[in-house]
Protein backbone atom coordinates (compact mmCIF):
# COMPACT_ATOMS: atom_id res chain seq x y z
CA MET A 1 23.11 6.01 -7.07
CA PRO A 2 20.37 3.36 -6.83
CA THR A 3 19.84 1.36 -10.00
CA PRO A 4 16.67 2.15 -12.05
CA PHE A 5 14.55 -0.87 -12.88
CA SER A 6 12.16 -1.64 -15.76
CA GLN A 7 9.76 -4.53 -16.36
CA SER A 8 6.73 -5.54 -18.41
CA ASP A 9 3.49 -7.28 -17.48
CA PRO A 10 0.54 -8.52 -19.62
CA LEU A 11 -2.07 -7.30 -17.05
CA ASP A 12 -3.89 -10.63 -16.88
CA PRO A 13 -7.61 -10.03 -16.11
CA ALA A 14 -7.72 -13.14 -13.91
CA ARG A 15 -5.59 -11.43 -11.30
CA ALA A 16 -7.89 -8.38 -11.22
CA GLN A 17 -10.91 -10.69 -10.95
CA ALA A 18 -9.26 -12.40 -7.98
CA LEU A 19 -8.90 -9.08 -6.17
CA GLN A 20 -12.51 -8.18 -6.95
CA ALA A 21 -13.58 -11.45 -5.32
CA THR A 22 -11.24 -10.90 -2.37
CA LEU A 23 -12.84 -7.50 -1.75
CA GLY A 24 -16.34 -8.98 -1.94
CA ALA A 25 -17.24 -7.66 -5.40
CA SER A 26 -18.38 -9.44 -8.56
CA ALA A 27 -15.39 -10.83 -10.46
CA ASP A 28 -16.43 -9.42 -13.82
CA LEU A 29 -13.40 -7.55 -15.20
CA ALA A 30 -12.41 -8.68 -18.71
CA VAL A 31 -9.92 -8.00 -21.50
CA GLY A 32 -10.17 -4.38 -22.61
CA ASP A 33 -11.76 -3.10 -19.39
CA GLU A 34 -10.18 -0.24 -17.51
CA LEU A 35 -8.04 -1.29 -14.58
CA PRO A 36 -9.64 0.10 -11.38
CA PRO A 37 -7.51 2.58 -9.41
CA PHE A 38 -4.61 0.96 -7.50
CA PHE A 39 -5.21 -2.49 -9.01
CA HIS A 40 -1.81 -2.07 -10.67
CA GLN A 41 -0.42 -3.26 -7.31
CA LEU A 42 -1.34 -6.77 -8.48
CA TYR A 43 1.15 -6.64 -11.32
CA PHE A 44 4.88 -6.16 -11.96
CA TRP A 45 5.94 -8.80 -9.45
CA THR A 46 9.67 -9.01 -8.68
CA PRO A 47 10.19 -12.53 -7.28
CA HIS A 48 13.40 -13.26 -5.38
CA PRO A 49 14.76 -16.60 -4.13
CA PRO A 50 14.67 -17.19 -0.35
CA ASP A 51 18.32 -16.29 0.19
CA HIS A 52 17.67 -12.82 -1.27
CA LEU A 53 14.98 -12.03 1.32
CA GLY A 54 15.37 -10.25 4.64
CA ARG A 55 14.09 -11.62 7.93
CA ASP A 56 10.75 -9.83 7.39
CA GLY A 57 10.04 -11.55 4.07
CA HIS A 58 10.74 -8.48 1.92
CA PRO A 59 13.58 -8.56 -0.64
CA LYS A 60 16.84 -7.39 0.89
CA THR A 61 17.68 -3.76 0.24
CA GLY A 62 20.31 -2.79 -2.28
CA GLY A 63 19.80 -2.11 -5.97
CA LEU A 64 16.68 0.03 -6.41
CA ILE A 65 16.40 0.71 -2.65
CA PRO A 66 19.63 1.64 -0.85
CA ASP A 67 20.71 -0.44 2.15
CA MET A 68 20.68 1.74 5.29
CA GLY A 69 21.10 -1.14 7.74
CA LEU A 70 17.59 -0.70 9.21
CA PRO A 71 15.50 -3.89 9.53
CA ARG A 72 11.87 -2.70 9.82
CA ARG A 73 10.07 -1.52 6.69
CA MET A 74 6.76 0.37 6.45
CA TRP A 75 4.85 1.81 3.51
CA ALA A 76 4.22 5.33 4.82
CA GLY A 77 2.12 6.67 1.95
CA GLY A 78 1.87 7.37 -1.72
CA ARG A 79 0.70 9.67 -4.48
CA MET A 80 -0.79 8.72 -7.83
CA LEU A 81 -1.47 10.68 -10.99
CA PHE A 82 -3.88 8.92 -13.35
CA HIS A 83 -3.03 10.17 -16.87
CA GLN A 84 -4.80 7.57 -19.01
CA PRO A 85 -6.69 4.36 -18.18
CA LEU A 86 -4.71 1.13 -18.14
CA ARG A 87 -6.49 -1.62 -20.11
CA LEU A 88 -6.63 -5.22 -18.96
CA GLY A 89 -5.19 -7.92 -21.18
CA PHE A 90 -2.61 -5.70 -22.86
CA SER A 91 1.07 -5.45 -22.02
CA ALA A 92 2.26 -2.54 -19.87
CA ASP A 93 5.75 -1.34 -18.97
CA ARG A 94 6.79 0.04 -15.59
CA ARG A 95 9.92 2.12 -15.11
CA SER A 96 11.03 2.54 -11.50
CA VAL A 97 13.62 4.78 -9.91
CA CYS A 98 14.53 5.84 -6.38
CA THR A 99 14.07 9.61 -6.35
CA ALA A 100 15.11 10.27 -2.73
CA SER A 101 16.76 8.51 0.21
CA GLU A 102 17.63 10.11 3.51
CA GLU A 103 18.78 8.97 6.94
CA LYS A 104 17.61 10.92 9.96
CA SER A 105 16.87 10.54 13.66
CA GLY A 106 13.32 10.40 15.01
CA ARG A 107 11.66 9.88 18.38
CA SER A 108 11.95 6.11 17.91
CA GLY A 109 15.59 6.17 16.76
CA ALA A 110 17.25 6.06 13.36
CA LEU A 111 15.02 6.34 10.30
CA GLY A 112 15.56 5.77 6.61
CA LEU A 113 13.20 7.65 4.29
CA VAL A 114 12.93 6.40 0.71
CA THR A 115 10.76 7.59 -2.19
CA LEU A 116 10.26 5.47 -5.29
CA ARG A 117 8.76 6.71 -8.55
CA HIS A 118 7.00 4.31 -10.90
CA ASP A 119 5.85 5.36 -14.38
CA ILE A 120 3.56 2.88 -16.14
CA TYR A 121 3.16 2.99 -19.92
CA GLN A 122 0.85 1.20 -22.33
CA ASP A 123 1.39 1.52 -26.10
CA ALA A 124 4.20 4.02 -25.32
CA THR A 125 1.66 6.30 -23.58
CA LEU A 126 2.21 7.31 -19.96
CA CYS A 127 -0.87 6.09 -18.08
CA LEU A 128 0.08 6.31 -14.40
CA THR A 129 2.72 7.95 -12.24
CA GLU A 130 3.05 6.64 -8.69
CA PHE A 131 5.27 7.77 -5.82
CA GLN A 132 5.78 5.36 -2.92
CA ASP A 133 7.09 6.67 0.41
CA LEU A 134 8.82 3.99 2.49
CA ILE A 135 10.20 4.20 6.03
CA TYR A 136 12.91 1.95 7.44
CA ARG A 137 13.36 1.79 11.22
CA GLU A 138 15.43 0.23 13.95
CA ASP A 139 13.98 -2.61 16.01
CA SER A 140 11.41 -1.41 18.52
CA ASP A 141 12.35 -1.05 22.18
CA PRO A 142 9.83 -3.07 24.23
CA ASN A 143 10.42 -0.77 27.22
CA ALA A 144 9.82 2.46 25.31
CA PRO A 145 6.42 4.13 25.77
CA ALA A 146 4.06 3.60 22.86
CA PRO A 147 3.55 6.69 20.69
CA GLN A 148 0.16 8.35 21.05
CA PRO A 149 -1.73 8.20 17.73
CA ALA A 150 -3.76 11.10 16.42
CA ILE A 151 -7.52 11.00 16.91
CA ALA A 152 -9.50 10.87 13.68
CA ARG A 153 -12.07 13.48 12.74
CA THR A 154 -15.76 12.61 13.10
CA ASP A 155 -17.43 14.95 10.61
CA GLU A 156 -17.78 12.51 7.72
CA ASP A 157 -20.64 12.62 5.21
CA ASN A 158 -20.23 8.96 4.29
CA LEU A 159 -19.04 6.01 6.38
CA GLN A 160 -18.36 2.41 5.44
CA LYS A 161 -17.46 -0.20 8.04
CA THR A 162 -15.01 -2.84 6.84
CA ALA A 163 -13.86 -5.90 8.78
CA PHE A 164 -10.64 -7.81 8.19
CA ASP A 165 -9.55 -11.35 8.93
CA THR A 166 -6.49 -13.51 8.36
CA THR A 167 -7.87 -14.93 5.10
CA LEU A 168 -8.34 -11.47 3.57
CA LEU A 169 -4.83 -10.42 4.60
CA PHE A 170 -3.33 -13.64 3.23
CA ARG A 171 -5.13 -13.34 -0.11
CA TYR A 172 -4.09 -9.69 -0.54
CA SER A 173 -0.47 -10.58 0.31
CA ALA A 174 -0.57 -13.38 -2.26
CA LEU A 175 -2.13 -11.26 -5.00
CA THR A 176 0.40 -8.46 -4.54
CA PHE A 177 3.29 -10.91 -3.96
CA ASN A 178 3.99 -9.18 -0.65
CA GLY A 179 6.00 -11.44 1.64
CA HIS A 180 6.03 -9.03 4.61
CA ARG A 181 5.49 -11.31 7.61
CA ILE A 182 3.63 -8.72 9.72
CA HIS A 183 0.57 -9.45 7.55
CA TYR A 184 0.39 -13.26 8.02
CA ASP A 185 2.85 -14.42 10.73
CA GLU A 186 1.30 -13.33 14.03
CA ASP A 187 4.16 -14.63 16.18
CA TYR A 188 6.63 -12.57 14.14
CA ALA A 189 4.39 -9.49 14.18
CA ARG A 190 4.02 -9.64 17.97
CA ASN A 191 7.39 -10.95 19.15
CA VAL A 192 9.80 -9.36 16.65
CA GLU A 193 8.13 -6.14 15.50
CA GLY A 194 6.09 -5.45 18.62
CA TYR A 195 2.57 -5.22 17.17
CA SER A 196 -0.55 -6.44 19.00
CA GLY A 197 -1.60 -8.65 16.09
CA LEU A 198 -1.38 -8.92 12.34
CA VAL A 199 -1.14 -5.56 10.60
CA VAL A 200 -3.65 -4.68 7.88
CA HIS A 201 -1.72 -3.62 4.77
CA GLY A 202 -1.57 0.14 4.33
CA PRO A 203 -2.09 -0.29 0.56
CA LEU A 204 -5.17 -2.44 1.26
CA LEU A 205 -6.69 0.40 3.30
CA ALA A 206 -5.74 2.82 0.53
CA GLN A 207 -7.37 0.48 -2.01
CA TYR A 208 -10.67 0.59 -0.12
CA LEU A 209 -10.47 4.39 0.12
CA MET A 210 -9.75 4.75 -3.60
CA LEU A 211 -12.70 2.60 -4.59
CA MET A 212 -14.88 4.56 -2.16
CA ALA A 213 -13.68 7.85 -3.65
CA GLN A 214 -14.35 6.70 -7.20
CA ARG A 215 -17.83 5.52 -6.27
CA LEU A 216 -18.71 8.83 -4.60
CA LEU A 217 -16.74 11.34 -6.68
CA GLY A 218 -16.32 9.72 -10.09
CA ARG A 219 -13.17 8.93 -12.06
CA LEU A 220 -9.99 10.01 -10.27
CA LYS A 221 -7.30 12.33 -11.59
CA ALA A 222 -5.06 11.99 -8.54
CA PHE A 223 -5.01 10.33 -5.13
CA GLU A 224 -2.69 10.81 -2.16
CA PHE A 225 -2.63 8.86 1.11
CA ARG A 226 -0.63 8.81 4.33
CA ALA A 227 -0.55 5.98 6.89
CA THR A 228 -0.57 7.36 10.44
CA ALA A 229 -1.16 4.34 12.73
CA PRO A 230 -1.43 0.58 12.17
CA LEU A 231 -4.80 -1.19 12.08
CA MET A 232 -4.89 -4.74 13.46
CA HIS A 233 -6.61 -7.64 11.72
CA TRP A 234 -9.15 -8.04 14.52
CA GLU A 235 -10.33 -4.41 14.29
CA THR A 236 -13.21 -3.15 12.14
CA ALA A 237 -12.22 -0.03 10.22
CA GLU A 238 -14.47 2.92 9.55
CA LEU A 239 -13.79 4.28 6.06
CA CYS A 240 -14.87 7.93 6.05
CA GLN A 241 -15.37 10.59 3.37
CA ARG A 242 -16.19 14.27 3.37
CA GLY A 243 -15.68 16.20 0.15
CA HIS A 244 -12.30 15.28 -1.30
CA ALA A 245 -10.96 14.12 2.10
CA LEU A 246 -11.01 10.47 3.16
CA TRP A 247 -9.68 8.74 6.24
CA VAL A 248 -9.63 5.46 8.17
CA ARG A 249 -10.77 5.45 11.79
CA ALA A 250 -10.13 2.55 14.17
CA PRO A 251 -12.71 1.38 16.74
CA ASP A 252 -10.98 3.38 19.51
CA GLY A 253 -11.12 6.56 17.39
CA ARG A 254 -7.48 6.68 16.36
CA GLN A 255 -6.58 7.85 12.88
CA CYS A 256 -4.98 5.10 10.78
CA MET A 257 -4.83 6.80 7.38
CA THR A 258 -5.67 10.09 5.71
CA ALA A 259 -6.16 10.63 1.99
CA THR A 260 -7.10 13.23 -0.58
CA ALA A 261 -8.89 12.40 -3.84
CA THR A 262 -8.88 14.66 -6.88
CA PRO A 263 -11.64 13.77 -9.36
CA LEU A 264 -11.51 14.61 -13.04
């Protein structure tokens, strides 16, 4: 069985302020303020020395995540339950466990499906439960036909256009201590993993959707998202909302992410 993992973090406000600035907002969060939804991604770093990293910049599998011998990793989606607000400037504890791992065959070859559960406590009170769904794949076949992405719906009530560039992707990678090279090494992204450019982080898209949902719907009780197609750094995303449904639409109309927000 994979090994559970626990760690603590003081939830330094400076890191949250840095993400606010990165996203174009006023960097005004302070000690005692509530941590905005999904900002916990900035904390609980697990640094590894270079010889413990895979070719893609992620830590090698084994330990919390079982090694299935598949080199390409993707964050497929996640679910969050917000029980109590996390407060900046006070220590929090995260307990992580792998709740499911499965090997199967898909249209693109062998797949490894992994689900992680993270429970975050502050003052011995459960504040947040998060499930992360990860996919591990074989190397892409350059001669295989590209999968046809779904087309996003167009019945939104609210739309926000958001552009990305290499600086934004680099800063988000740094703040989340995410070494995945598809987000900053364009040669690797194109020549090894077969993308047409740098890939915008799925969690970064989810972060924008969560902040949009909170602005339009109020404080969140739960949020669920699913990545369906990659967005490239040179594309402007359309962040869309209708009721409790949110989604990301690329310039060509393809669906990049879907999400559901549950307000309090």
